């Protein structure tokens, strides 16, 4: 069959319907919302980036008239600011590991066993985020004074654990729940013991979800300010706590530099976790019955 004959057999292409006024209006409104979202999300970050390198920025100039690196040098040369950076990178890994040791066994139990009050306990984990945390921290202060935990490393770790429990329990529970039990049963039928099944099948399949939970827990600890301020001062002042002093006593350019330094770990770690968060298997596990 020739090309002309094939063209005659094919159905004629339907003309595209003309866009209506309503569809154009909805599409335009969607574009406006996306642009507004970009302005509110990217705008502050862009302003911080410009402010951190600016020396003179008179109003109403669109860009700084003078650029400098002195604010970066001043932040890294300040011993108190450098010490707060060091403390933040000390607390976050300790809190993340402690949270994993405490919560991962509970997450596995929530996923694999049915027991009275299971659903209630899972939902109650969100209670720490159901109201302003400062009230909870003030209530805890009395207990901390009794046990001499105020101004101690352990006290700050305990306070920061409150913000990591939800991530380190719910996400691994969803990761364990997304694994078909038939795989574990097949391994047991082949003669593998419970520990071997867990470490050779269950844990490797749940590892991406646990990885995401550890990243979110690290960031929750790294960015925690209120509880650390209440319990840690004056001995332990982390980067988020130091921001209070920067805003009040330092030039805003130095605060902009410190804010960028505080945001860098979040951007890097969330980029690493993105492919696991966007996957469908982890989302299926959140359908906990």
Protein backbone atom coordinates (compact mmCIF):
# COMPACT_ATOMS: atom_id res chain seq x y z
CA UNK A 1 0.00 0.00 0.00
CA UNK A 2 1.38 3.35 -1.02
CA UNK A 3 1.82 6.30 1.31
CA UNK A 4 -1.13 8.09 -0.33
CA UNK A 5 -3.39 5.06 0.19
CA UNK A 6 -2.31 4.74 3.85
CA UNK A 7 -3.11 8.41 4.41
CA UNK A 8 -6.57 7.91 2.91
CA UNK A 9 -7.28 5.00 5.27
CA UNK A 10 -6.22 6.90 8.43
CA UNK A 11 -9.01 8.90 10.10
CA UNK A 12 -8.85 12.62 9.75
CA UNK A 13 -7.37 14.46 12.70
CA UNK A 14 -9.94 16.16 14.85
CA UNK A 15 -9.53 19.89 15.22
CA UNK A 16 -8.50 21.03 18.66
CA UNK A 17 -11.31 22.63 20.61
CA UNK A 18 -10.88 26.33 21.15
CA UNK A 19 -10.09 27.27 24.73
CA UNK A 20 -13.03 28.80 26.52
CA UNK A 21 -12.85 31.93 28.59
CA UNK A 22 -13.25 29.85 31.76
CA UNK A 23 -10.34 27.54 30.94
CA UNK A 24 -8.11 30.51 30.11
CA UNK A 25 -9.07 32.20 33.37
CA UNK A 26 -8.37 29.05 35.40
CA UNK A 27 -5.03 28.53 33.70
CA UNK A 28 -4.07 32.17 34.29
CA UNK A 29 -5.11 31.89 37.93
CA UNK A 30 -2.97 28.78 38.31
CA UNK A 31 0.03 30.58 36.83
CA UNK A 32 -0.51 33.47 39.26
CA UNK A 33 -0.60 31.09 42.23
CA UNK A 34 2.58 29.33 41.09
CA UNK A 35 4.39 32.65 40.67
CA UNK A 36 3.18 33.83 44.06
CA UNK A 37 4.41 30.58 45.64
CA UNK A 38 7.81 31.02 44.00
CA UNK A 39 8.01 34.60 45.24
CA UNK A 40 7.22 33.63 48.83
CA UNK A 41 9.53 30.59 48.79
CA UNK A 42 12.45 31.75 46.67
CA UNK A 43 12.19 35.46 47.48
CA UNK A 44 13.43 35.27 51.10
CA UNK A 45 16.26 32.92 50.13
CA UNK A 46 17.33 35.22 47.31
CA UNK A 47 17.18 38.23 49.65
CA UNK A 48 19.39 36.41 52.19
CA UNK A 49 21.88 35.50 49.48
CA UNK A 50 22.13 39.11 48.31
CA UNK A 51 22.22 40.52 51.84
CA UNK A 52 25.01 38.18 52.91
CA UNK A 53 27.34 39.67 50.25
CA UNK A 54 26.19 43.29 50.44
CA UNK A 55 27.95 46.16 52.14
CA UNK A 56 25.84 49.15 51.15
CA UNK A 57 22.27 48.69 49.97
CA UNK A 58 20.44 52.01 50.08
CA UNK A 59 16.71 52.14 49.52
CA UNK A 60 15.18 52.04 46.89
CA UNK A 61 17.99 50.43 44.86
CA UNK A 62 17.08 47.03 43.43
CA UNK A 63 20.57 45.60 44.05
CA UNK A 64 23.34 46.44 46.53
CA UNK A 65 25.70 49.17 45.44
CA UNK A 66 28.68 47.61 47.16
CA UNK A 67 29.62 43.94 47.53
CA UNK A 68 31.85 42.39 50.18
CA UNK A 69 32.89 39.12 51.86
CA UNK A 70 33.64 40.68 55.24
CA UNK A 71 30.44 39.38 56.85
CA UNK A 72 31.43 35.81 56.05
CA UNK A 73 34.89 36.40 57.53
CA UNK A 74 33.38 37.98 60.64
CA UNK A 75 31.00 35.05 61.22
CA UNK A 76 33.72 32.41 60.88
CA UNK A 77 36.13 34.49 62.97
CA UNK A 78 33.65 34.90 65.85
CA UNK A 79 34.45 32.17 68.38
CA UNK A 80 30.96 32.12 69.90
CA UNK A 81 29.34 31.62 66.49
CA UNK A 82 31.86 28.95 65.56
CA UNK A 83 31.17 27.15 68.84
CA UNK A 84 27.42 27.18 68.18
CA UNK A 85 28.02 25.62 64.74
CA UNK A 86 30.14 22.91 66.37
CA UNK A 87 27.46 22.20 68.98
CA UNK A 88 24.71 21.88 66.36
CA UNK A 89 26.71 19.26 64.49
CA UNK A 90 27.35 17.43 67.77
CA UNK A 91 23.77 17.34 69.01
CA UNK A 92 22.06 16.40 65.73
CA UNK A 93 23.89 13.07 65.14
CA UNK A 94 23.58 12.07 68.82
CA UNK A 95 19.85 12.82 68.88
CA UNK A 96 19.32 11.01 65.56
CA UNK A 97 21.09 7.84 66.71
CA UNK A 98 19.34 7.91 70.10
CA UNK A 99 16.00 8.39 68.39
CA UNK A 100 16.69 5.44 66.08
CA UNK A 101 17.66 3.17 68.99
CA UNK A 102 14.47 4.08 70.87
CA UNK A 103 11.94 4.29 68.05
CA UNK A 104 12.91 1.65 65.46
CA UNK A 105 11.97 -1.33 67.66
CA UNK A 106 8.66 0.41 68.39
CA UNK A 107 8.13 1.05 64.68
CA UNK A 108 8.69 -2.63 63.88
CA UNK A 109 6.25 -3.64 66.63
CA UNK A 110 3.61 -1.20 65.33
CA UNK A 111 4.04 -2.64 61.84
CA UNK A 112 4.14 -6.37 62.55
CA UNK A 113 2.05 -6.92 65.69
CA UNK A 114 -1.54 -6.20 66.67
CA UNK A 115 -1.98 -5.30 70.32
CA UNK A 116 -4.54 -3.34 72.34
CA UNK A 117 -4.20 0.42 71.96
CA UNK A 118 -1.98 0.17 68.89
CA UNK A 119 -3.84 2.74 66.79
CA UNK A 120 -4.31 5.03 69.79
CA UNK A 121 -0.58 5.01 70.54
CA UNK A 122 0.29 5.73 66.91
CA UNK A 123 -2.07 8.69 66.76
CA UNK A 124 -0.96 9.96 70.18
CA UNK A 125 2.58 10.40 68.84
CA UNK A 126 1.29 13.51 67.08
CA UNK A 127 0.25 15.01 70.43
CA UNK A 128 3.63 16.70 70.76
CA UNK A 129 2.85 18.69 67.60
CA UNK A 130 -0.82 19.33 68.40
CA UNK A 131 -0.13 22.44 70.48
CA UNK A 132 2.68 25.00 70.91
CA UNK A 133 5.77 23.21 72.13
CA UNK A 134 6.87 26.03 74.39
CA UNK A 135 4.11 25.05 76.85
CA UNK A 136 5.39 21.48 76.89
CA UNK A 137 8.97 22.66 77.38
CA UNK A 138 8.00 24.88 80.32
CA UNK A 139 6.15 21.96 81.92
CA UNK A 140 9.23 19.79 81.45
CA UNK A 141 11.46 22.42 83.02
CA UNK A 142 10.19 21.56 86.50
CA UNK A 143 11.11 17.91 86.00
CA UNK A 144 14.48 18.88 84.55
CA UNK A 145 15.24 21.09 87.58
CA UNK A 146 14.40 18.17 89.88
CA UNK A 147 16.83 15.84 88.12
CA UNK A 148 19.50 18.54 87.56
CA UNK A 149 19.19 18.32 83.77
CA UNK A 150 19.00 22.05 83.10
CA UNK A 151 22.08 23.31 81.28
CA UNK A 152 23.34 19.78 80.56
CA UNK A 153 24.12 17.93 77.35
CA UNK A 154 21.70 15.13 78.28
CA UNK A 155 18.92 17.60 78.97
CA UNK A 156 19.25 19.16 75.52
CA UNK A 157 19.28 15.71 73.90
CA UNK A 158 16.06 14.73 75.70
CA UNK A 159 14.33 17.95 74.65
CA UNK A 160 15.35 17.55 71.04
CA UNK A 161 14.17 13.93 71.03
CA UNK A 162 10.61 15.22 71.36
CA UNK A 163 10.75 16.61 67.84
CA UNK A 164 12.18 13.41 66.32
CA UNK A 165 9.85 10.77 67.79
CA UNK A 166 7.11 11.29 65.21
CA UNK A 167 9.47 11.02 62.23
CA UNK A 168 11.45 8.08 63.59
CA UNK A 169 8.34 6.09 64.48
CA UNK A 170 5.77 6.81 61.77
CA UNK A 171 8.02 6.69 58.71
CA UNK A 172 9.82 3.43 59.64
CA UNK A 173 6.44 1.94 60.57
CA UNK A 174 5.23 2.79 57.08
CA UNK A 175 8.45 1.37 55.59
CA UNK A 176 8.06 -1.94 57.46
CA UNK A 177 4.34 -2.10 56.61
CA UNK A 178 5.05 -1.71 52.89
CA UNK A 179 7.09 -4.93 52.83
CA UNK A 180 4.99 -7.96 51.80
CA UNK A 181 4.94 -10.49 54.61
CA UNK A 182 5.04 -13.27 52.01
CA UNK A 183 8.75 -12.52 51.49
CA UNK A 184 9.50 -13.05 55.15
CA UNK A 185 7.35 -16.19 55.26
CA UNK A 186 9.13 -17.62 52.23
CA UNK A 187 12.51 -17.02 53.89
CA UNK A 188 11.33 -18.77 57.07
CA UNK A 189 10.03 -21.69 55.03
CA UNK A 190 13.50 -21.97 53.50
CA UNK A 191 15.00 -22.36 56.98
CA UNK A 192 16.10 -18.82 57.83
CA UNK A 193 15.79 -17.76 61.46
CA UNK A 194 14.00 -14.59 62.60
CA UNK A 195 17.18 -12.52 62.91
CA UNK A 196 18.47 -13.60 59.51
CA UNK A 197 15.11 -12.80 57.92
CA UNK A 198 15.14 -9.36 59.48
CA UNK A 199 18.70 -8.41 58.54
CA UNK A 200 18.72 -10.03 55.08
CA UNK A 201 15.19 -9.18 53.87
CA UNK A 202 13.17 -6.85 56.10
CA UNK A 203 15.79 -4.29 57.02
CA UNK A 204 17.30 -3.85 53.50
CA UNK A 205 13.83 -3.27 52.03
CA UNK A 206 12.88 -0.84 54.80
CA UNK A 207 16.25 0.95 54.71
CA UNK A 208 15.15 3.79 52.34
CA UNK A 209 12.28 4.71 54.66
CA UNK A 210 14.55 4.54 57.70
CA UNK A 211 17.06 6.71 55.83
CA UNK A 212 14.36 9.34 55.23
CA UNK A 213 13.31 9.20 58.88
CA UNK A 214 16.90 9.71 60.03
CA UNK A 215 17.34 12.69 57.71
CA UNK A 216 14.14 14.34 58.96
CA UNK A 217 15.12 13.60 62.56
CA UNK A 218 18.57 15.09 61.98
CA UNK A 219 17.02 18.25 60.57
CA UNK A 220 14.43 18.44 63.37
CA UNK A 221 17.25 18.32 65.92
CA UNK A 222 19.47 20.65 63.92
CA UNK A 223 16.74 23.32 63.64
CA UNK A 224 15.28 23.01 67.16
CA UNK A 225 15.50 26.33 69.01
CA UNK A 226 12.89 26.80 71.75
CA UNK A 227 13.60 23.73 73.87
CA UNK A 228 17.35 24.05 73.38
CA UNK A 229 17.19 27.69 74.42
CA UNK A 230 15.16 26.90 77.54
CA UNK A 231 17.22 23.92 78.68
CA UNK A 232 20.65 24.53 77.22
CA UNK A 233 21.50 28.13 78.08
CA UNK A 234 24.02 29.31 79.05
CA UNK A 235 26.17 26.23 78.52
CA UNK A 236 24.85 24.93 75.19
CA UNK A 237 23.90 27.48 72.55
CA UNK A 238 23.32 25.92 69.13
CA UNK A 239 22.93 27.66 65.77
CA UNK A 240 19.13 28.18 65.94
CA UNK A 241 19.48 29.49 69.50
CA UNK A 242 22.30 31.80 68.42
CA UNK A 243 19.96 33.38 65.87
CA UNK A 244 18.19 35.21 68.72
CA UNK A 245 21.46 36.94 69.59
CA UNK A 246 22.32 37.62 65.96
CA UNK A 247 19.00 39.33 65.25
CA UNK A 248 19.30 41.57 68.31
CA UNK A 249 23.02 42.36 68.52
CA UNK A 250 24.60 41.81 65.09
CA UNK A 251 24.25 43.55 61.71
CA UNK A 252 21.58 42.00 59.55
CA UNK A 253 24.22 40.97 57.01
CA UNK A 254 25.82 38.69 59.62
CA UNK A 255 22.40 37.23 60.44
CA UNK A 256 21.89 36.57 56.72
CA UNK A 257 25.19 34.69 56.51
CA UNK A 258 24.29 32.61 59.56
CA UNK A 259 20.84 31.85 58.14
CA UNK A 260 22.41 30.55 54.92
CA UNK A 261 24.77 28.34 56.93
CA UNK A 262 21.79 27.04 58.88
CA UNK A 263 19.86 26.25 55.69
CA UNK A 264 22.67 24.44 53.82
CA UNK A 265 22.32 21.08 55.65
CA UNK A 266 18.55 21.13 55.11
CA UNK A 267 18.91 21.66 51.36
CA UNK A 268 21.58 18.98 50.95
CA UNK A 269 19.87 16.32 53.07
CA UNK A 270 16.39 16.90 51.64
CA UNK A 271 17.88 16.57 48.15
CA UNK A 272 19.27 13.17 49.15
CA UNK A 273 15.92 12.07 50.60
CA UNK A 274 13.80 13.37 47.73
CA UNK A 275 13.80 10.23 45.58
CA UNK A 276 12.72 8.08 48.52
CA UNK A 277 10.03 10.51 49.68
CA UNK A 278 8.55 10.73 46.17
CA UNK A 279 8.35 6.94 45.79
CA UNK A 280 5.08 5.07 45.98
CA UNK A 281 6.10 2.14 48.19
CA UNK A 282 6.63 4.30 51.26
CA UNK A 283 3.29 6.02 50.75
CA UNK A 284 1.53 2.66 50.67
CA UNK A 285 2.85 1.84 54.11
CA UNK A 286 1.09 4.80 55.69
CA UNK A 287 -2.23 3.00 55.16
CA UNK A 288 -1.88 1.39 58.57
CA UNK A 289 -4.88 -0.62 59.69
